[in-house]
Amino acid sequence: RDKAEGQIGQIEEQLRLKEVELSQNAGQILVLESKINSIPNVKVALEGVTNQLELAKSTYDESLKKYNNAQQQVERESNAQGETIRVVDPANLPQTPENASKRPLLIGLGALLGLGLGFLLVAAFEIPRLLTVQNIEDAKHYTGLPVLASVPDLLSDKEIDTGRRAYALKLAAGCIAAVLSVPILIILLQMSRVIERFS
């Protein structure tokens, strides 16, 4: 009996400890429930603070933009009144001409082209004369015989005037061709872009 009563006492003591533990757990549960119940309020409050922060940030950005625009307007007006121009980045002048190395090449090509054109014109006018007998010396040279007599050109006054007019017309035509060839040459050079390729 004493043993049973001792066991009952131990069980009662264990029950009392369990009740204390249960009461402690219940208190902790109440605390946790209150915290859990307060979390949505915290979320709502946090969302409200976030919204206020975003609104304040957008208001600040808009005010800053207006301030910058006003500053630029003031600077423009002050510059317009004082007519002040600032050089931000001065130009860098080259020490030597950009195409200095190609200039001798262009001069040489121009000289060769001019000489070639000159020789072509000389050949066109002089070669036909080389193939004909022009004077007494040519007749002696080509025939190897002495010349007994020479008959000068028997031209009338009209033929002489016609020859002079023909010579004057040829001279005028040559001058006109020389003058007109300059713009034609310029147009051809611009269309072919030869100078741009060498520059």
C-alpha atoms as a PDB file:
ATOM      1  CA  ARG A   1       0.000   0.000   0.000  1.00  0.00           C
ATOM      2  CA  ASP A   2       2.779   2.366   0.881  1.00  0.00           C
ATOM      3  CA  LYS A   3       4.414   1.575  -2.424  1.00  0.00           C
ATOM      4  CA  ALA A   4       1.207   2.277  -4.308  1.00  0.00           C
ATOM      5  CA  GLU A   5       0.701   5.535  -2.470  1.00  0.00           C
ATOM      6  CA  GLY A   6       4.288   6.519  -3.329  1.00  0.00           C
ATOM      7  CA  GLN A   7       3.640   5.774  -6.989  1.00  0.00           C
ATOM      8  CA  ILE A   8       0.391   7.804  -6.881  1.00  0.00           C
ATOM      9  CA  GLY A   9       2.290  10.693  -5.292  1.00  0.00           C
ATOM     10  CA  GLN A  10       4.901  10.531  -8.039  1.00  0.00           C
ATOM     11  CA  ILE A  11       2.182  10.436 -10.689  1.00  0.00           C
ATOM     12  CA  GLU A  12       0.417  13.403  -9.090  1.00  0.00           C
ATOM     13  CA  GLU A  13       3.719  15.296  -9.000  1.00  0.00           C
ATOM     14  CA  GLN A  14       4.272  14.488 -12.680  1.00  0.00           C
ATOM     15  CA  LEU A  15       0.718  15.616 -13.480  1.00  0.00           C
ATOM     16  CA  ARG A  16       1.304  18.868 -11.618  1.00  0.00           C
ATOM     17  CA  LEU A  17       4.536  19.445 -13.555  1.00  0.00           C
ATOM     18  CA  LYS A  18       2.746  18.676 -16.803  1.00  0.00           C
ATOM     19  CA  GLU A  19      -0.011  21.123 -15.886  1.00  0.00           C
ATOM     20  CA  VAL A  20       2.616  23.790 -15.205  1.00  0.00           C
ATOM     21  CA  GLU A  21       4.276  22.966 -18.524  1.00  0.00           C
ATOM     22  CA  LEU A  22       0.904  23.087 -20.283  1.00  0.00           C
ATOM     23  CA  SER A  23       0.154  26.454 -18.741  1.00  0.00           C
ATOM     24  CA  GLN A  24       3.559  27.730 -19.829  1.00  0.00           C
ATOM     25  CA  ASN A  25       2.986  26.397 -23.348  1.00  0.00           C
ATOM     26  CA  ALA A  26      -0.449  27.991 -23.392  1.00  0.00           C
ATOM     27  CA  GLY A  27       1.135  31.317 -22.460  1.00  0.00           C
ATOM     28  CA  GLN A  28       3.702  30.942 -25.195  1.00  0.00           C
ATOM     29  CA  ILE A  29       0.935  30.022 -27.636  1.00  0.00           C
ATOM     30  CA  LEU A  30      -0.951  33.179 -26.684  1.00  0.00           C
ATOM     31  CA  VAL A  31       2.171  35.270 -27.212  1.00  0.00           C
ATOM     32  CA  LEU A  32       2.782  33.630 -30.590  1.00  0.00           C
ATOM     33  CA  GLU A  33      -0.851  34.085 -31.586  1.00  0.00           C
ATOM     34  CA  SER A  34      -0.667  37.768 -30.712  1.00  0.00           C
ATOM     35  CA  LYS A  35       2.492  38.115 -32.799  1.00  0.00           C
ATOM     36  CA  ILE A  36       0.896  36.257 -35.699  1.00  0.00           C
ATOM     37  CA  ASN A  37      -2.185  38.428 -35.443  1.00  0.00           C
ATOM     38  CA  SER A  38      -0.036  41.562 -35.465  1.00  0.00           C
ATOM     39  CA  ILE A  39       1.896  40.547 -38.625  1.00  0.00           C
ATOM     40  CA  PRO A  40      -0.818  41.627 -41.125  1.00  0.00           C
ATOM     41  CA  ASN A  41      -0.956  45.005 -39.413  1.00  0.00           C
ATOM     42  CA  VAL A  42       2.818  45.261 -39.771  1.00  0.00           C
ATOM     43  CA  LYS A  43       2.523  44.353 -43.450  1.00  0.00           C
ATOM     44  CA  VAL A  44      -0.165  46.941 -43.984  1.00  0.00           C
ATOM     45  CA  ALA A  45       1.878  49.548 -42.138  1.00  0.00           C
ATOM     46  CA  LEU A  46       4.989  48.609 -44.139  1.00  0.00           C
ATOM     47  CA  GLU A  47       3.075  48.880 -47.407  1.00  0.00           C
ATOM     48  CA  GLY A  48       1.803  52.286 -46.359  1.00  0.00           C
ATOM     49  CA  VAL A  49       5.316  53.476 -45.527  1.00  0.00           C
ATOM     50  CA  THR A  50       6.584  52.097 -48.865  1.00  0.00           C
ATOM     51  CA  ASN A  51       3.846  53.916 -50.757  1.00  0.00           C
ATOM     52  CA  GLN A  52       4.650  57.143 -48.930  1.00  0.00           C
ATOM     53  CA  LEU A  53       8.345  56.680 -49.743  1.00  0.00           C
ATOM     54  CA  GLU A  54       7.636  56.121 -53.437  1.00  0.00           C
ATOM     55  CA  LEU A  55       5.328  59.136 -53.541  1.00  0.00           C
ATOM     56  CA  ALA A  56       7.942  61.286 -51.818  1.00  0.00           C
ATOM     57  CA  LYS A  57      10.631  60.006 -54.215  1.00  0.00           C
ATOM     58  CA  SER A  58       8.525  60.787 -57.297  1.00  0.00           C
ATOM     59  CA  THR A  59       7.754  64.244 -55.888  1.00  0.00           C
ATOM     60  CA  TYR A  60      11.469  64.822 -55.245  1.00  0.00           C
ATOM     61  CA  ASP A  61      12.433  63.670 -58.759  1.00  0.00           C
ATOM     62  CA  GLU A  62       9.839  65.973 -60.310  1.00  0.00           C
ATOM     63  CA  SER A  63      11.010  68.906 -58.206  1.00  0.00           C
ATOM     64  CA  LEU A  64      14.647  68.177 -59.117  1.00  0.00           C
ATOM     65  CA  LYS A  65      13.747  68.083 -62.814  1.00  0.00           C
ATOM     66  CA  LYS A  66      11.955  71.438 -62.543  1.00  0.00           C
ATOM     67  CA  TYR A  67      14.949  72.882 -60.685  1.00  0.00           C
ATOM     68  CA  ASN A  68      17.397  71.703 -63.367  1.00  0.00           C
ATOM     69  CA  ASN A  69      15.174  73.115 -66.123  1.00  0.00           C
ATOM     70  CA  ALA A  70      14.979  76.443 -64.301  1.00  0.00           C
ATOM     71  CA  GLN A  71      18.786  76.513 -63.895  1.00  0.00           C
ATOM     72  CA  GLN A  72      19.275  75.833 -67.602  1.00  0.00           C
ATOM     73  CA  GLN A  73      16.789  78.562 -68.500  1.00  0.00           C
ATOM     74  CA  VAL A  74      18.627  81.035 -66.266  1.00  0.00           C
ATOM     75  CA  GLU A  75      21.972  80.095 -67.860  1.00  0.00           C
ATOM     76  CA  ARG A  76      20.527  80.474 -71.365  1.00  0.00           C
ATOM     77  CA  GLU A  77      19.078  83.874 -70.552  1.00  0.00           C
ATOM     78  CA  SER A  78      22.300  85.072 -68.945  1.00  0.00           C
ATOM     79  CA  ASN A  79      24.326  83.845 -71.939  1.00  0.00           C
ATOM     80  CA  ALA A  80      21.898  85.517 -74.328  1.00  0.00           C
ATOM     81  CA  GLN A  81      22.155  88.801 -72.442  1.00  0.00           C
ATOM     82  CA  GLY A  82      25.929  88.746 -72.177  1.00  0.00           C
ATOM     83  CA  GLU A  83      26.465  87.039 -75.546  1.00  0.00           C
ATOM     84  CA  THR A  84      29.141  84.876 -73.987  1.00  0.00           C
ATOM     85  CA  ILE A  85      30.427  81.949 -75.995  1.00  0.00           C
ATOM     86  CA  ARG A  86      32.722  79.424 -74.402  1.00  0.00           C
ATOM     87  CA  VAL A  87      35.074  77.229 -76.377  1.00  0.00           C
ATOM     88  CA  VAL A  88      34.658  73.782 -74.895  1.00  0.00           C
ATOM     89  CA  ASP A  89      37.287  71.985 -76.982  1.00  0.00           C
ATOM     90  CA  PRO A  90      39.650  74.137 -79.077  1.00  0.00           C
ATOM     91  CA  ALA A  91      40.550  72.892 -82.536  1.00  0.00           C
ATOM     92  CA  ASN A  92      43.810  71.046 -83.013  1.00  0.00           C
ATOM     93  CA  LEU A  93      45.612  72.569 -85.974  1.00  0.00           C
ATOM     94  CA  PRO A  94      47.744  70.125 -87.975  1.00  0.00           C
ATOM     95  CA  GLN A  95      51.474  70.754 -87.953  1.00  0.00           C
ATOM     96  CA  THR A  96      51.872  69.782 -91.621  1.00  0.00           C
ATOM     97  CA  PRO A  97      49.425  69.723 -94.555  1.00  0.00           C
ATOM     98  CA  GLU A  98      47.318  66.595 -94.593  1.00  0.00           C
ATOM     99  CA  ASN A  99      48.107  65.644 -98.186  1.00  0.00           C
ATOM    100  CA  ALA A 100      51.665  66.991 -98.345  1.00  0.00           C
ATOM    101  CA  SER A 101      53.100  63.593 -99.276  1.00  0.00           C
ATOM    102  CA  LYS A 102      50.724  63.226-102.237  1.00  0.00           C
ATOM    103  CA  ARG A 103      51.317  66.696-103.673  1.00  0.00           C
ATOM    104  CA  PRO A 104      54.489  65.764-105.659  1.00  0.00           C
ATOM    105  CA  LEU A 105      52.633  62.784-107.111  1.00  0.00           C
ATOM    106  CA  LEU A 106      49.761  64.989-108.270  1.00  0.00           C
ATOM    107  CA  ILE A 107      52.173  67.555-109.725  1.00  0.00           C
ATOM    108  CA  GLY A 108      54.065  64.824-111.583  1.00  0.00           C
ATOM    109  CA  LEU A 109      50.873  63.304-112.964  1.00  0.00           C
ATOM    110  CA  GLY A 110      49.648  66.723-114.088  1.00  0.00           C
ATOM    111  CA  ALA A 111      52.955  67.465-115.813  1.00  0.00           C
ATOM    112  CA  LEU A 112      52.978  64.099-117.589  1.00  0.00           C
ATOM    113  CA  LEU A 113      49.375  64.542-118.682  1.00  0.00           C
ATOM    114  CA  GLY A 114      50.096  68.039-120.020  1.00  0.00           C
ATOM    115  CA  LEU A 115      53.210  66.898-121.895  1.00  0.00           C
ATOM    116  CA  GLY A 116      51.368  63.939-123.371  1.00  0.00           C
ATOM    117  CA  LEU A 117      48.508  66.127-124.562  1.00  0.00           C
ATOM    118  CA  GLY A 118      50.987  68.641-126.027  1.00  0.00           C
ATOM    119  CA  PHE A 119      52.899  65.951-127.925  1.00  0.00           C
ATOM    120  CA  LEU A 120      49.621  64.555-129.235  1.00  0.00           C
ATOM    121  CA  LEU A 121      48.540  67.941-130.592  1.00  0.00           C
ATOM    122  CA  VAL A 122      51.972  68.600-132.135  1.00  0.00           C
ATOM    123  CA  ALA A 123      51.945  65.198-133.810  1.00  0.00           C
ATOM    124  CA  ALA A 124      48.427  65.766-135.152  1.00  0.00           C
ATOM    125  CA  PHE A 125      49.440  69.041-136.830  1.00  0.00           C
ATOM    126  CA  GLU A 126      53.058  68.382-137.818  1.00  0.00           C
ATOM    127  CA  ILE A 127      53.144  64.779-139.039  1.00  0.00           C
ATOM    128  CA  PRO A 128      51.107  65.557-142.186  1.00  0.00           C
ATOM    129  CA  ARG A 129      53.585  68.352-143.039  1.00  0.00           C
ATOM    130  CA  LEU A 130      56.540  66.001-142.607  1.00  0.00           C
ATOM    131  CA  LEU A 131      55.178  63.732-145.316  1.00  0.00           C
ATOM    132  CA  THR A 132      54.970  66.521-147.927  1.00  0.00           C
ATOM    133  CA  VAL A 133      57.573  68.629-149.764  1.00  0.00           C
ATOM    134  CA  GLN A 134      57.531  72.091-148.243  1.00  0.00           C
ATOM    135  CA  ASN A 135      60.379  73.994-149.953  1.00  0.00           C
ATOM    136  CA  ILE A 136      63.320  73.754-152.376  1.00  0.00           C
ATOM    137  CA  GLU A 137      65.556  72.130-149.770  1.00  0.00           C
ATOM    138  CA  ASP A 138      63.031  69.334-149.291  1.00  0.00           C
ATOM    139  CA  ALA A 139      62.892  68.765-153.060  1.00  0.00           C
ATOM    140  CA  LYS A 140      66.703  68.527-153.267  1.00  0.00           C
ATOM    141  CA  HIS A 141      66.809  66.191-150.296  1.00  0.00           C
ATOM    142  CA  TYR A 142      64.104  63.752-151.407  1.00  0.00           C
ATOM    143  CA  THR A 143      64.965  63.664-155.139  1.00  0.00           C
ATOM    144  CA  GLY A 144      68.723  64.027-154.975  1.00  0.00           C
ATOM    145  CA  LEU A 145      68.553  66.267-158.056  1.00  0.00           C
ATOM    146  CA  PRO A 146      69.268  69.970-158.419  1.00  0.00           C
ATOM    147  CA  VAL A 147      66.262  72.275-158.647  1.00  0.00           C
ATOM    148  CA  LEU A 148      66.321  74.325-161.848  1.00  0.00           C
ATOM    149  CA  ALA A 149      63.398  76.626-161.043  1.00  0.00           C
ATOM    150  CA  SER A 150      60.586  77.049-158.543  1.00  0.00           C
ATOM    151  CA  VAL A 151      57.157  78.452-159.294  1.00  0.00           C
ATOM    152  CA  PRO A 152      55.581  80.423-156.449  1.00  0.00           C
ATOM    153  CA  ASP A 153      51.940  79.952-155.521  1.00  0.00           C
ATOM    154  CA  LEU A 154      49.807  81.871-157.967  1.00  0.00           C
ATOM    155  CA  LEU A 155      46.946  83.060-155.770  1.00  0.00           C
ATOM    156  CA  SER A 156      44.385  85.702-156.492  1.00  0.00           C
ATOM    157  CA  ASP A 157      43.515  88.409-154.016  1.00  0.00           C
ATOM    158  CA  LYS A 158      40.312  86.559-153.148  1.00  0.00           C
ATOM    159  CA  GLU A 159      42.213  83.352-152.386  1.00  0.00           C
ATOM    160  CA  ILE A 160      44.699  85.281-150.240  1.00  0.00           C
ATOM    161  CA  ASP A 161      41.831  86.862-148.274  1.00  0.00           C
ATOM    162  CA  THR A 162      40.179  83.462-147.908  1.00  0.00           C
ATOM    163  CA  GLY A 163      43.431  81.995-146.580  1.00  0.00           C
ATOM    164  CA  ARG A 164      43.811  84.820-144.074  1.00  0.00           C
ATOM    165  CA  ARG A 165      40.225  84.412-142.915  1.00  0.00           C
ATOM    166  CA  ALA A 166      40.724  80.663-142.578  1.00  0.00           C
ATOM    167  CA  TYR A 167      43.855  81.252-140.492  1.00  0.00           C
ATOM    168  CA  ALA A 168      42.004  83.768-138.272  1.00  0.00           C
ATOM    169  CA  LEU A 169      39.077  81.355-137.863  1.00  0.00           C
ATOM    170  CA  LYS A 170      41.448  78.540-136.909  1.00  0.00           C
ATOM    171  CA  LEU A 171      43.159  80.800-134.369  1.00  0.00           C
ATOM    172  CA  ALA A 172      39.808  81.893-132.878  1.00  0.00           C
ATOM    173  CA  ALA A 173      38.573  78.292-132.791  1.00  0.00           C
ATOM    174  CA  GLY A 174      41.731  77.264-130.947  1.00  0.00           C
ATOM    175  CA  CYS A 175      41.279  80.033-128.349  1.00  0.00           C
ATOM    176  CA  ILE A 176      37.592  79.148-127.850  1.00  0.00           C
ATOM    177  CA  ALA A 177      38.452  75.455-127.519  1.00  0.00           C
ATOM    178  CA  ALA A 178      41.131  76.277-124.940  1.00  0.00           C
ATOM    179  CA  VAL A 179      38.688  78.390-122.895  1.00  0.00           C
ATOM    180  CA  LEU A 180      35.858  75.837-123.108  1.00  0.00           C
ATOM    181  CA  SER A 181      38.126  72.923-122.273  1.00  0.00           C
ATOM    182  CA  VAL A 182      38.762  74.277-118.756  1.00  0.00           C
ATOM    183  CA  PRO A 183      35.183  73.866-117.395  1.00  0.00           C
ATOM    184  CA  ILE A 184      34.795  70.594-119.293  1.00  0.00           C
ATOM    185  CA  LEU A 185      37.991  69.322-117.682  1.00  0.00           C
ATOM    186  CA  ILE A 186      36.742  70.442-114.255  1.00  0.00           C
ATOM    187  CA  ILE A 187      33.416  68.630-114.767  1.00  0.00           C
ATOM    188  CA  LEU A 188      35.212  65.472-115.871  1.00  0.00           C
ATOM    189  CA  LEU A 189      37.502  65.591-112.831  1.00  0.00           C
ATOM    190  CA  GLN A 190      34.516  66.055-110.513  1.00  0.00           C
ATOM    191  CA  MET A 191      32.604  63.182-112.104  1.00  0.00           C
ATOM    192  CA  SER A 192      35.586  60.821-112.059  1.00  0.00           C
ATOM    193  CA  ARG A 193      36.621  61.905-108.504  1.00  0.00           C
ATOM    194  CA  VAL A 194      40.277  61.422-109.382  1.00  0.00           C
ATOM    195  CA  ILE A 195      41.458  64.163-107.020  1.00  0.00           C
ATOM    196  CA  GLU A 196      39.445  62.734-104.105  1.00  0.00           C
ATOM    197  CA  ARG A 197      41.011  59.321-104.614  1.00  0.00           C
ATOM    198  CA  PHE A 198      44.517  60.754-104.316  1.00  0.00           C
ATOM    199  CA  SER A 199      43.658  63.132-101.457  1.00  0.00           C
END
